[in-house]
């Protein structure tokens, strides 16, 4: 899929036993960009990746992959893992997950929230907004997502990426939108996996902020998940103490740090830093672009930012 949409090669490293069975596996996507350099990441664009399988097999895969890719011009391999595990490297904890254990019924979940949060959840409905879930909402999702990202000063991934995900994983993908007077004003895109749902991308139009449509969006997905027997609502990753992190913390205080590993010559890795003066200037300029221009240019830039 990364090759289809972004043109990036994904390698699948494996260790097999004497009978040919896979005992460990490691997907690595090679991101090449004239602007941002070369990056080997497991995996880009999503929340986490990293090796799976036996402890010895994982360590062997990472060591061999990093050594081989260094010869090919990739200074390090970045592993974005869900849990720390037993890899013989020192992790960096720069991101966290925020997790909400779901109640067995929507009314119990609503009752468990503070009164202020319950009031926010009802605001959009009082303004006449409606919400729904379905794979046919990918276009509406991307319309909201692209505008929201432009307003934040960040290039947006292309619509065809989300369409490809929904087409490839229809049973695991949830797409939700909130509409007001026929216009989508908030939207979310995420994945079901076992007893957990992760909302990986969520956006709302800033001019409708007073209606709190994002609250209606999250509650719509929570209701669906409770009905489907999902036990954990995963708000996705955030930088600690950032705005998105504070938003998620109003729902729950359960957090899980995400261990990222940089295996190889990490000092040679250049990644865009949001704190840098040049990045902030670029973000301000991006915010001023007409939406059609930002939507067209965004995929060409974001493909190189892992």
Protein backbone atom coordinates (compact mmCIF):
# COMPACT_ATOMS: atom_id res chain seq x y z
CA UNK A 1 0.00 0.00 0.00
CA UNK A 2 2.84 2.42 0.80
CA UNK A 3 4.31 1.60 -2.60
CA UNK A 4 0.97 2.08 -4.35
CA UNK A 5 0.21 5.45 -2.77
CA UNK A 6 3.60 6.96 -1.90
CA UNK A 7 6.05 5.00 -4.04
CA UNK A 8 7.92 3.70 -0.98
CA UNK A 9 9.42 0.22 -0.88
CA UNK A 10 8.51 -1.93 2.12
CA UNK A 11 10.84 -4.79 3.02
CA UNK A 12 9.70 -7.76 5.08
CA UNK A 13 12.56 -9.24 7.09
CA UNK A 14 11.96 -12.69 8.57
CA UNK A 15 13.66 -15.40 10.62
CA UNK A 16 12.56 -18.96 9.92
CA UNK A 17 12.99 -22.20 11.81
CA UNK A 18 14.36 -25.46 10.39
CA UNK A 19 10.94 -26.32 8.95
CA UNK A 20 10.61 -22.98 7.16
CA UNK A 21 8.11 -21.51 9.61
CA UNK A 22 8.37 -17.80 10.43
CA UNK A 23 9.47 -17.23 14.03
CA UNK A 24 10.05 -13.45 13.80
CA UNK A 25 9.19 -10.70 11.31
CA UNK A 26 10.03 -7.04 10.80
CA UNK A 27 8.43 -4.72 8.21
CA UNK A 28 10.58 -1.73 7.23
CA UNK A 29 9.47 1.01 4.85
CA UNK A 30 12.17 2.96 3.01
CA UNK A 31 11.26 6.64 2.74
CA UNK A 32 13.37 8.61 0.27
CA UNK A 33 13.06 12.37 -0.09
CA UNK A 34 15.29 14.98 -1.70
CA UNK A 35 14.07 17.42 0.95
CA UNK A 36 14.08 15.25 4.09
CA UNK A 37 16.66 12.57 3.27
CA UNK A 38 16.48 8.80 3.66
CA UNK A 39 14.65 7.05 6.48
CA UNK A 40 14.09 3.38 7.26
CA UNK A 41 11.05 3.18 9.52
CA UNK A 42 8.91 0.44 11.01
CA UNK A 43 6.46 1.85 10.16
CA UNK A 44 5.77 5.39 8.88
CA UNK A 45 2.42 7.21 8.76
CA UNK A 46 0.77 4.88 11.30
CA UNK A 47 0.92 4.77 15.09
CA UNK A 48 3.31 1.89 15.63
CA UNK A 49 5.21 -0.98 14.07
CA UNK A 50 8.40 -2.81 15.01
CA UNK A 51 9.36 -6.48 15.10
CA UNK A 52 7.18 -9.37 16.27
CA UNK A 53 7.99 -12.96 17.16
CA UNK A 54 10.60 -14.63 19.34
CA UNK A 55 12.93 -12.51 21.46
CA UNK A 56 16.08 -13.85 19.81
CA UNK A 57 14.55 -13.57 16.34
CA UNK A 58 13.53 -9.94 16.84
CA UNK A 59 17.00 -8.89 17.97
CA UNK A 60 18.61 -10.76 15.08
CA UNK A 61 16.31 -9.14 12.52
CA UNK A 62 16.91 -5.62 13.79
CA UNK A 63 20.69 -6.08 13.85
CA UNK A 64 20.84 -7.54 10.34
CA UNK A 65 18.41 -5.04 8.84
CA UNK A 66 20.23 -2.04 10.32
CA UNK A 67 23.60 -3.32 9.08
CA UNK A 68 22.36 -4.01 5.55
CA UNK A 69 20.41 -0.76 5.20
CA UNK A 70 23.40 1.25 6.45
CA UNK A 71 25.28 -0.05 3.41
CA UNK A 72 22.42 1.22 1.23
CA UNK A 73 22.55 4.76 2.60
CA UNK A 74 20.07 4.59 5.50
CA UNK A 75 21.93 5.77 8.61
CA UNK A 76 19.56 4.08 11.05
CA UNK A 77 16.39 2.03 11.41
CA UNK A 78 13.64 3.57 13.52
CA UNK A 79 11.35 1.13 15.34
CA UNK A 80 8.08 2.62 16.56
CA UNK A 81 6.97 -0.08 18.96
CA UNK A 82 3.80 -0.45 21.01
CA UNK A 83 5.57 -2.01 23.99
CA UNK A 84 9.14 -1.99 25.24
CA UNK A 85 9.76 -5.74 25.00
CA UNK A 86 13.28 -7.13 25.22
CA UNK A 87 15.20 -5.44 22.41
CA UNK A 88 18.82 -4.76 23.48
CA UNK A 89 18.57 -1.02 22.79
CA UNK A 90 17.65 2.05 24.83
CA UNK A 91 14.20 3.36 23.86
CA UNK A 92 13.10 6.97 23.58
CA UNK A 93 9.69 7.78 25.05
CA UNK A 94 8.59 10.85 23.11
CA UNK A 95 5.01 9.77 22.46
CA UNK A 96 2.19 8.33 24.56
CA UNK A 97 -1.11 6.59 23.96
CA UNK A 98 -4.23 7.65 25.84
CA UNK A 99 -6.58 4.73 26.51
CA UNK A 100 -10.18 4.63 27.74
CA UNK A 101 -11.46 1.31 29.15
CA UNK A 102 -15.05 1.21 27.89
CA UNK A 103 -18.10 0.48 30.04
CA UNK A 104 -20.38 -2.38 28.89
CA UNK A 105 -23.24 -0.03 27.93
CA UNK A 106 -23.41 3.51 26.45
CA UNK A 107 -25.50 4.86 29.34
CA UNK A 108 -22.94 3.58 31.84
CA UNK A 109 -20.13 5.14 29.82
CA UNK A 110 -21.90 8.49 29.66
CA UNK A 111 -22.56 8.38 33.40
CA UNK A 112 -18.87 7.69 34.07
CA UNK A 113 -17.84 10.99 32.44
CA UNK A 114 -17.67 14.27 34.40
CA UNK A 115 -20.70 16.56 34.09
CA UNK A 116 -18.77 19.14 32.03
CA UNK A 117 -17.75 16.50 29.50
CA UNK A 118 -21.31 15.17 29.24
CA UNK A 119 -22.51 18.68 28.47
CA UNK A 120 -19.96 19.05 25.67
CA UNK A 121 -20.99 15.70 24.20
CA UNK A 122 -24.58 16.92 23.79
CA UNK A 123 -23.80 20.38 22.38
CA UNK A 124 -23.55 19.51 18.67
CA UNK A 125 -26.81 17.55 18.72
CA UNK A 126 -28.59 20.55 20.25
CA UNK A 127 -27.30 22.62 17.30
CA UNK A 128 -28.85 20.15 14.85
CA UNK A 129 -25.74 18.16 13.94
CA UNK A 130 -25.97 14.46 13.08
CA UNK A 131 -23.35 11.72 12.93
CA UNK A 132 -22.81 8.37 11.26
CA UNK A 133 -20.30 5.65 10.47
CA UNK A 134 -19.54 3.96 7.15
CA UNK A 135 -16.84 3.29 4.58
CA UNK A 136 -18.77 5.46 2.12
CA UNK A 137 -17.69 8.49 4.17
CA UNK A 138 -14.02 8.46 3.12
CA UNK A 139 -14.44 11.45 0.80
CA UNK A 140 -16.26 13.45 3.48
CA UNK A 141 -13.59 12.50 6.01
CA UNK A 142 -10.80 13.68 3.75
CA UNK A 143 -12.52 16.98 2.98
CA UNK A 144 -12.54 17.79 6.71
CA UNK A 145 -9.08 16.31 7.30
CA UNK A 146 -7.43 18.28 4.48
CA UNK A 147 -8.90 21.61 5.59
CA UNK A 148 -8.04 21.00 9.24
CA UNK A 149 -4.45 20.07 8.41
CA UNK A 150 -4.08 23.16 6.21
CA UNK A 151 -5.32 25.30 9.11
CA UNK A 152 -2.72 23.69 11.38
CA UNK A 153 0.02 24.41 8.83
CA UNK A 154 0.67 20.74 8.04
CA UNK A 155 0.51 18.95 4.66
CA UNK A 156 -2.24 16.32 4.49
CA UNK A 157 -1.96 12.78 3.21
CA UNK A 158 -3.86 12.07 -0.02
CA UNK A 159 -7.44 10.86 -0.15
CA UNK A 160 -6.36 7.77 -2.06
CA UNK A 161 -4.31 6.58 0.92
CA UNK A 162 -7.41 6.43 3.10
CA UNK A 163 -9.45 4.94 0.26
CA UNK A 164 -6.82 2.23 -0.17
CA UNK A 165 -6.84 1.45 3.56
CA UNK A 166 -10.63 1.20 3.66
CA UNK A 167 -10.65 -0.97 0.54
CA UNK A 168 -7.93 -3.30 1.84
CA UNK A 169 -9.19 -3.59 5.43
CA UNK A 170 -12.96 -3.10 5.25
CA UNK A 171 -13.71 -5.21 8.34
CA UNK A 172 -11.17 -3.38 10.51
CA UNK A 173 -11.74 0.21 9.35
CA UNK A 174 -14.22 2.68 10.85
CA UNK A 175 -14.89 6.06 9.23
CA UNK A 176 -17.15 8.49 11.06
CA UNK A 177 -18.41 11.97 10.20
CA UNK A 178 -20.47 14.70 11.84
CA UNK A 179 -22.64 16.83 9.54
CA UNK A 180 -24.41 20.13 10.00
CA UNK A 181 -26.83 21.42 7.38
CA UNK A 182 -25.48 18.86 4.91
CA UNK A 183 -21.82 19.77 5.40
CA UNK A 184 -19.26 17.46 7.07
CA UNK A 185 -17.73 19.42 9.95
CA UNK A 186 -15.86 16.70 11.88
CA UNK A 187 -14.49 13.32 10.86
CA UNK A 188 -12.46 10.40 12.17
CA UNK A 189 -10.72 7.37 10.70
CA UNK A 190 -9.45 4.41 12.70
CA UNK A 191 -9.03 0.69 13.17
CA UNK A 192 -10.59 -2.17 15.09
CA UNK A 193 -8.18 -4.83 16.29
CA UNK A 194 -9.26 -7.57 18.68
CA UNK A 195 -10.74 -5.84 21.74
CA UNK A 196 -9.47 -2.35 20.88
CA UNK A 197 -10.36 0.53 18.57
CA UNK A 198 -7.82 3.22 17.70
CA UNK A 199 -8.92 6.53 16.23
CA UNK A 200 -5.79 7.25 14.23
CA UNK A 201 -6.90 10.45 12.47
CA UNK A 202 -9.52 12.92 13.69
CA UNK A 203 -10.30 16.44 12.52
CA UNK A 204 -12.95 19.13 12.81
CA UNK A 205 -13.46 22.44 11.04
CA UNK A 206 -12.25 25.31 13.19
CA UNK A 207 -15.11 27.61 12.23
CA UNK A 208 -17.52 25.20 13.95
CA UNK A 209 -15.49 24.90 17.14
CA UNK A 210 -18.21 26.44 19.34
CA UNK A 211 -20.47 23.48 18.48
CA UNK A 212 -17.89 20.94 19.69
CA UNK A 213 -18.51 18.56 16.77
CA UNK A 214 -15.34 16.66 17.65
CA UNK A 215 -16.97 15.61 20.93
CA UNK A 216 -19.96 14.22 19.04
CA UNK A 217 -17.56 12.42 16.71
CA UNK A 218 -15.75 10.64 19.52
CA UNK A 219 -18.97 9.74 21.32
CA UNK A 220 -20.47 8.29 18.12
CA UNK A 221 -17.45 6.02 17.74
CA UNK A 222 -17.53 5.06 21.41
CA UNK A 223 -21.20 4.07 21.20
CA UNK A 224 -20.48 1.94 18.15
CA UNK A 225 -17.50 0.27 19.82
CA UNK A 226 -19.43 -0.53 22.98
CA UNK A 227 -22.15 -2.13 20.86
CA UNK A 228 -19.51 -4.18 19.05
CA UNK A 229 -18.02 -5.46 22.30
CA UNK A 230 -14.83 -3.42 22.08
CA UNK A 231 -13.18 -2.98 25.49
CA UNK A 232 -10.56 -0.27 24.88
CA UNK A 233 -10.97 3.05 23.06
CA UNK A 234 -7.49 4.12 21.96
CA UNK A 235 -7.16 7.86 21.30
CA UNK A 236 -3.92 7.36 19.36
CA UNK A 237 -0.48 8.77 20.01
CA UNK A 238 0.35 12.28 21.20
CA UNK A 239 3.34 14.28 22.32
CA UNK A 240 3.11 14.59 26.13
CA UNK A 241 1.56 17.86 27.32
CA UNK A 242 0.67 18.95 23.77
CA UNK A 243 -2.77 20.31 22.90
CA UNK A 244 -4.03 16.98 21.51
CA UNK A 245 -2.71 15.20 24.60
CA UNK A 246 -4.59 17.55 26.92
CA UNK A 247 -7.78 17.04 24.88
CA UNK A 248 -7.53 13.27 25.26
CA UNK A 249 -6.78 13.47 28.97
CA UNK A 250 -10.22 14.92 29.69
CA UNK A 251 -11.72 11.53 28.81
CA UNK A 252 -9.36 9.29 30.80
CA UNK A 253 -6.13 9.29 32.79
CA UNK A 254 -4.90 5.93 31.46
CA UNK A 255 -1.69 6.33 29.44
CA UNK A 256 0.82 4.03 27.81
CA UNK A 257 4.28 5.33 26.79
CA UNK A 258 5.45 4.34 23.32
CA UNK A 259 9.05 3.13 23.03
CA UNK A 260 10.84 4.23 19.86
CA UNK A 261 14.25 2.83 19.02
CA UNK A 262 16.87 4.35 16.73
CA UNK A 263 19.21 1.53 15.71
CA UNK A 264 22.37 2.62 13.93
CA UNK A 265 24.02 6.00 13.59
CA UNK A 266 21.13 8.02 15.00
CA UNK A 267 23.25 11.19 15.09
CA UNK A 268 23.21 11.16 11.29
CA UNK A 269 19.41 11.09 11.10
CA UNK A 270 17.79 14.39 10.18
CA UNK A 271 14.08 14.56 10.92
CA UNK A 272 11.85 17.62 10.73
CA UNK A 273 11.62 19.27 14.15
CA UNK A 274 8.38 21.10 14.87
CA UNK A 275 10.16 23.32 17.39
CA UNK A 276 12.59 24.71 14.81
CA UNK A 277 12.24 28.25 13.49
CA UNK A 278 12.25 27.05 9.87
CA UNK A 279 9.49 24.53 10.55
CA UNK A 280 7.33 27.15 12.25
CA UNK A 281 7.82 29.57 9.35
CA UNK A 282 6.86 26.86 6.86
CA UNK A 283 3.74 26.08 8.90
CA UNK A 284 2.64 29.72 8.89
CA UNK A 285 3.11 29.94 5.13
CA UNK A 286 1.18 26.70 4.61
CA UNK A 287 -1.76 28.08 6.58
CA UNK A 288 -2.08 30.90 4.07
CA UNK A 289 -2.38 28.62 1.03
CA UNK A 290 -5.75 28.30 -0.70
CA UNK A 291 -7.28 24.97 0.29
CA UNK A 292 -7.21 23.45 -3.24
CA UNK A 293 -3.51 24.31 -3.54
CA UNK A 294 -2.65 22.86 -0.11
CA UNK A 295 -4.67 19.72 -0.84
CA UNK A 296 -2.87 19.21 -4.16
CA UNK A 297 0.65 19.93 -2.87
CA UNK A 298 0.33 18.22 0.50
CA UNK A 299 0.79 14.60 -0.65
CA UNK A 300 3.99 15.48 -2.52
CA UNK A 301 5.53 16.80 0.69
CA UNK A 302 4.07 14.50 3.33
CA UNK A 303 5.26 11.38 1.50
CA UNK A 304 8.82 12.30 2.56
CA UNK A 305 8.01 12.92 6.24
CA UNK A 306 7.91 9.57 8.02
